[in-house]
Protein backbone atom coordinates (compact mmCIF):
# COMPACT_ATOMS: atom_id res chain seq x y z
CA GLU A 1 -42.52 142.52 -25.54
CA LEU A 2 -43.26 143.64 -29.10
CA ARG A 3 -43.09 140.11 -30.49
CA THR A 4 -45.47 138.55 -27.94
CA PRO A 5 -48.72 140.20 -29.05
CA LEU A 6 -47.75 139.82 -32.70
CA ASN A 7 -47.19 136.09 -32.21
CA ALA A 8 -50.57 135.84 -30.51
CA ILE A 9 -52.33 137.62 -33.39
CA LEU A 10 -50.54 135.41 -35.89
CA GLY A 11 -51.37 132.23 -33.98
CA PHE A 12 -55.10 132.98 -33.67
CA ALA A 13 -55.32 134.08 -37.32
CA GLU A 14 -53.67 130.86 -38.48
CA LEU A 15 -56.07 128.82 -36.34
CA LEU A 16 -58.97 130.66 -37.99
CA GLN A 17 -57.45 129.95 -41.41
CA MET A 18 -57.18 126.24 -40.58
CA GLY A 19 -60.83 126.11 -39.51
CA GLN A 20 -60.11 125.32 -35.86
CA TYR A 21 -63.03 127.51 -34.77
CA GLY A 22 -65.40 126.29 -37.45
CA PRO A 23 -65.66 126.48 -41.24
CA MET A 24 -65.06 129.83 -42.93
CA THR A 25 -66.28 131.16 -46.25
CA GLU A 26 -63.96 132.43 -48.97
CA LYS A 27 -65.11 135.96 -48.15
CA GLN A 28 -64.10 135.48 -44.51
CA LEU A 29 -60.77 133.82 -45.36
CA LYS A 30 -59.58 136.81 -47.40
CA PRO A 31 -59.28 139.23 -44.43
CA VAL A 32 -57.77 136.44 -42.29
CA HIS A 33 -55.10 135.95 -44.95
CA ASP A 34 -54.49 139.73 -44.95
CA ILE A 35 -54.14 139.69 -41.15
CA ILE A 36 -51.50 136.94 -41.40
CA ASP A 37 -49.56 138.76 -44.11
CA SER A 38 -49.66 142.06 -42.21
CA THR A 39 -48.61 140.41 -38.95
CA LEU A 40 -45.67 138.64 -40.62
CA TYR A 41 -44.62 141.93 -42.17
CA GLN A 42 -44.83 143.71 -38.82
CA THR A 43 -42.88 140.90 -37.15
CA ARG A 44 -40.09 141.27 -39.71
CA LEU A 45 -39.95 145.02 -39.04
CA VAL A 46 -39.70 144.43 -35.29
CA SER A 47 -36.92 141.88 -35.82
CA GLU A 48 -35.01 144.36 -37.98
CA LEU A 49 -35.38 147.10 -35.36
CA ILE A 50 -34.09 144.74 -32.66
CA ASP A 51 -31.15 143.67 -34.82
CA GLN A 52 -30.31 147.30 -35.62
CA ALA A 53 -30.41 148.24 -31.93
CA GLN A 54 -28.13 145.31 -31.01
CA LEU A 55 -25.70 146.17 -33.80
CA GLU A 56 -25.53 149.82 -32.79
CA ALA A 57 -24.92 148.81 -29.18
CA GLY A 58 -22.29 146.25 -30.18
CA GLN A 59 -24.31 143.51 -28.48
CA LEU A 60 -25.00 141.21 -31.41
CA LYS A 61 -22.99 138.02 -30.99
CA LEU A 62 -22.15 135.58 -33.78
CA LYS A 63 -22.73 131.84 -33.32
CA ILE A 64 -20.07 130.10 -35.40
CA SER A 65 -20.69 126.60 -36.74
CA TYR A 66 -19.71 124.39 -39.67
CA PHE A 67 -22.13 123.74 -42.52
CA ALA A 68 -22.43 122.67 -46.14
CA PRO A 69 -22.69 125.60 -48.59
CA THR A 70 -26.14 124.42 -49.69
CA ALA A 71 -27.44 125.22 -46.18
CA ILE A 72 -27.04 128.94 -46.91
CA ILE A 73 -29.43 128.88 -49.85
CA ASP A 74 -31.77 125.88 -49.49
CA GLY A 75 -33.98 127.29 -46.73
CA PRO A 76 -34.14 130.91 -47.89
CA LEU A 77 -34.78 130.04 -51.54
CA THR A 78 -37.43 127.47 -50.64
CA THR A 79 -39.20 130.22 -48.68
CA LEU A 80 -38.92 132.78 -51.48
CA GLU A 81 -39.49 130.64 -54.58
CA PRO A 82 -43.31 130.95 -54.39
CA LEU A 83 -42.99 134.77 -54.39
CA ALA A 84 -40.77 134.65 -57.46
CA ARG A 85 -43.06 132.19 -59.20
CA ASN A 86 -46.12 134.34 -58.51
CA LYS A 87 -44.40 137.23 -60.31
CA GLY A 88 -43.36 135.02 -63.22
CA LEU A 89 -39.69 135.35 -62.31
CA THR A 90 -37.01 132.68 -62.70
CA LEU A 91 -35.01 132.00 -59.53
CA THR A 92 -31.81 130.06 -60.17
CA ARG A 93 -28.92 128.97 -57.98
CA SER A 94 -25.37 127.87 -58.68
CA LEU A 95 -22.63 126.46 -56.47
CA ALA A 96 -19.15 126.53 -57.99
CA PRO A 97 -17.71 123.04 -58.53
CA ASP A 98 -14.53 123.95 -56.64
CA LEU A 99 -16.44 125.24 -53.61
CA LEU A 100 -15.22 123.87 -50.29
CA PRO A 101 -17.54 121.09 -49.02
CA THR A 102 -17.69 122.74 -45.58
CA LEU A 103 -17.74 126.41 -44.62
CA SER A 104 -17.85 128.05 -41.21
CA GLY A 105 -19.68 131.08 -39.90
CA ASP A 106 -22.97 132.13 -38.33
CA LEU A 107 -25.37 130.15 -40.51
CA THR A 108 -28.50 131.86 -39.18
CA ARG A 109 -27.11 135.32 -40.00
CA LEU A 110 -25.88 134.17 -43.41
CA GLN A 111 -29.36 132.87 -44.19
CA GLN A 112 -30.76 136.21 -42.99
CA ILE A 113 -28.47 138.00 -45.44
CA MET A 114 -29.57 135.67 -48.25
CA LEU A 115 -33.26 136.15 -47.42
CA ASN A 116 -32.85 139.91 -47.46
CA LEU A 117 -30.91 140.14 -50.72
CA VAL A 118 -33.07 137.66 -52.64
CA GLY A 119 -36.27 139.07 -51.14
CA ASN A 120 -35.27 142.57 -52.27
CA ALA A 121 -34.38 141.26 -55.72
CA ILE A 122 -37.82 139.69 -56.10
CA LYS A 123 -39.53 142.80 -54.72
CA PHE A 124 -37.84 145.16 -57.18
CA THR A 125 -37.92 142.93 -60.27
CA ASP A 126 -40.99 142.70 -62.49
CA THR A 127 -39.64 140.57 -65.34
CA GLY A 128 -36.65 138.32 -65.91
CA GLU A 129 -34.69 136.44 -63.31
CA ILE A 130 -32.87 136.42 -60.01
CA ARG A 131 -29.65 134.43 -59.82
CA VAL A 132 -27.79 133.28 -56.71
CA ASP A 133 -24.15 132.14 -56.93
CA ILE A 134 -21.85 130.78 -54.24
CA TYR A 135 -18.21 130.63 -55.30
CA HIS A 136 -14.54 131.31 -54.47
CA PRO A 137 -13.28 134.67 -55.80
CA ASP A 138 -9.79 133.67 -54.64
CA ALA A 139 -8.01 131.11 -52.47
CA HIS A 140 -8.70 132.96 -49.21
CA HIS A 141 -12.36 133.99 -49.62
CA TRP A 142 -15.79 132.71 -50.54
CA ALA A 143 -18.65 134.82 -51.85
CA MET A 144 -22.44 135.03 -52.20
CA ARG A 145 -23.69 136.92 -55.24
CA VAL A 146 -27.33 137.88 -55.89
CA SER A 147 -28.14 139.35 -59.32
CA ASP A 148 -31.46 140.53 -60.71
CA THR A 149 -32.93 142.12 -63.84
CA GLY A 150 -34.94 144.68 -61.90
CA TYR A 151 -35.26 148.45 -61.77
CA GLY A 152 -31.65 149.09 -60.92
CA ILE A 153 -30.38 151.65 -58.41
CA SER A 154 -29.23 155.14 -59.32
CA PRO A 155 -25.68 156.22 -58.34
CA GLU A 156 -27.17 158.75 -55.90
CA ALA A 157 -29.25 156.08 -54.14
CA GLN A 158 -26.32 153.66 -54.04
CA ASP A 159 -24.57 156.07 -51.67
CA ARG A 160 -27.31 155.83 -49.05
CA ILE A 161 -29.08 152.44 -49.28
CA PHE A 162 -26.69 150.86 -46.78
CA GLU A 163 -27.46 153.53 -44.18
CA PRO A 164 -30.12 152.84 -41.51
CA PHE A 165 -33.53 153.85 -42.88
CA GLY A 166 -31.94 154.63 -46.25
CA GLN A 167 -34.27 154.23 -49.22
CA VAL A 168 -34.13 153.94 -52.96
CA ASP A 169 -36.40 156.12 -55.12
CA GLY A 170 -39.38 157.28 -53.07
CA SER A 171 -42.06 156.18 -55.53
CA ILE A 172 -40.59 152.68 -55.74
CA THR A 173 -40.31 152.42 -51.96
CA ARG A 174 -43.90 153.52 -51.45
CA LEU A 175 -45.02 150.93 -53.98
CA HIS A 176 -43.15 148.04 -52.40
CA GLY A 177 -42.90 149.03 -48.73
CA GLY A 178 -40.03 148.53 -46.31
CA ALA A 179 -38.43 150.46 -43.47
CA GLY A 180 -35.01 150.80 -45.04
CA LEU A 181 -33.18 148.70 -42.44
CA GLY A 182 -32.57 145.47 -44.33
CA LEU A 183 -29.50 146.47 -46.35
CA SER A 184 -28.04 148.38 -43.41
CA ILE A 185 -28.25 145.21 -41.32
CA VAL A 186 -26.79 143.14 -44.17
CA LYS A 187 -23.80 145.45 -44.42
CA GLN A 188 -23.22 145.54 -40.66
CA LEU A 189 -23.47 141.75 -40.37
CA THR A 190 -21.04 141.38 -43.26
CA THR A 191 -18.61 143.77 -41.56
CA ILE A 192 -18.62 141.99 -38.20
CA MET A 193 -18.03 138.73 -40.07
CA GLY A 194 -14.88 140.28 -41.51
CA GLY A 195 -16.30 140.59 -45.02
CA GLN A 196 -17.23 143.20 -47.60
CA ILE A 197 -20.35 143.96 -49.63
CA THR A 198 -20.25 145.50 -53.09
CA LEU A 199 -22.99 146.69 -55.42
CA ALA A 200 -23.02 147.00 -59.19
CA SER A 201 -26.23 148.48 -60.62
CA HIS A 202 -27.58 150.45 -63.55
CA ILE A 203 -31.06 151.86 -64.02
CA GLU A 204 -33.33 149.47 -65.98
CA GLN A 205 -30.50 146.90 -66.13
CA GLY A 206 -30.68 145.31 -62.70
CA SER A 207 -28.43 145.02 -59.67
CA THR A 208 -25.78 142.66 -58.35
CA PHE A 209 -24.94 142.46 -54.65
CA THR A 210 -21.82 140.51 -53.70
CA ILE A 211 -20.86 139.47 -50.17
CA THR A 212 -17.21 138.41 -49.88
CA LEU A 213 -16.15 136.63 -46.69
CA PRO A 214 -12.86 135.18 -45.45
CA ILE A 215 -12.40 131.42 -45.37
CA ILE A 216 -12.00 130.46 -41.71
CA PRO A 217 -9.91 127.29 -41.35
CA ILE A 218 -11.73 124.40 -39.72
CA GLU A 219 -10.22 123.64 -36.35
CA GLN A 220 -8.84 120.15 -36.06
CA PRO A 221 -9.58 118.19 -32.86
CA ASN A 222 -6.66 117.66 -30.52
CA ALA A 223 -4.91 114.35 -31.03
């Protein structure tokens, strides 16, 4: 019910932007662009609230499939690269040469995790780079690591950022926005996937989030 009117607003605004109702001036296009951005932001907040409610109720179900490791990063990074570029940031990716050619899990949720971690890294980094690595920490696990050269997170804030509606420093949060649900959802998704999330961060030196997940053997078809 919350998504329906938002989708309608977004659809009509995009039609206006494309000139479906007649040509628009640059002055008119600016508020239309703002409407689209605000609607997308509100839609993301609604999606996070729905995910949080499903997680708390134990109703979120995983959809397991097999996929190439590149599928985890290609879509999310393609979406976020323009944001990084607009801030003058370098966004790099690396897949370990010994990475299994096929992984299994809920690809949509893994991409959601990647979008959240990289999006946060871009949001809270003004100069430098964001790096994404997919690798095997050991023979029984694979991992996603997102590192940035941003503000860093104080030890006090590190204790609460994974809690629902937890925030980093208030002034930074007010500057960049956010409801404080993203990292809580990331941690809960990681947990129900049987994994762990760790954070290493120092003020003015950046942050590194690492998601470690078990390797699930690929089921062989019956002979």
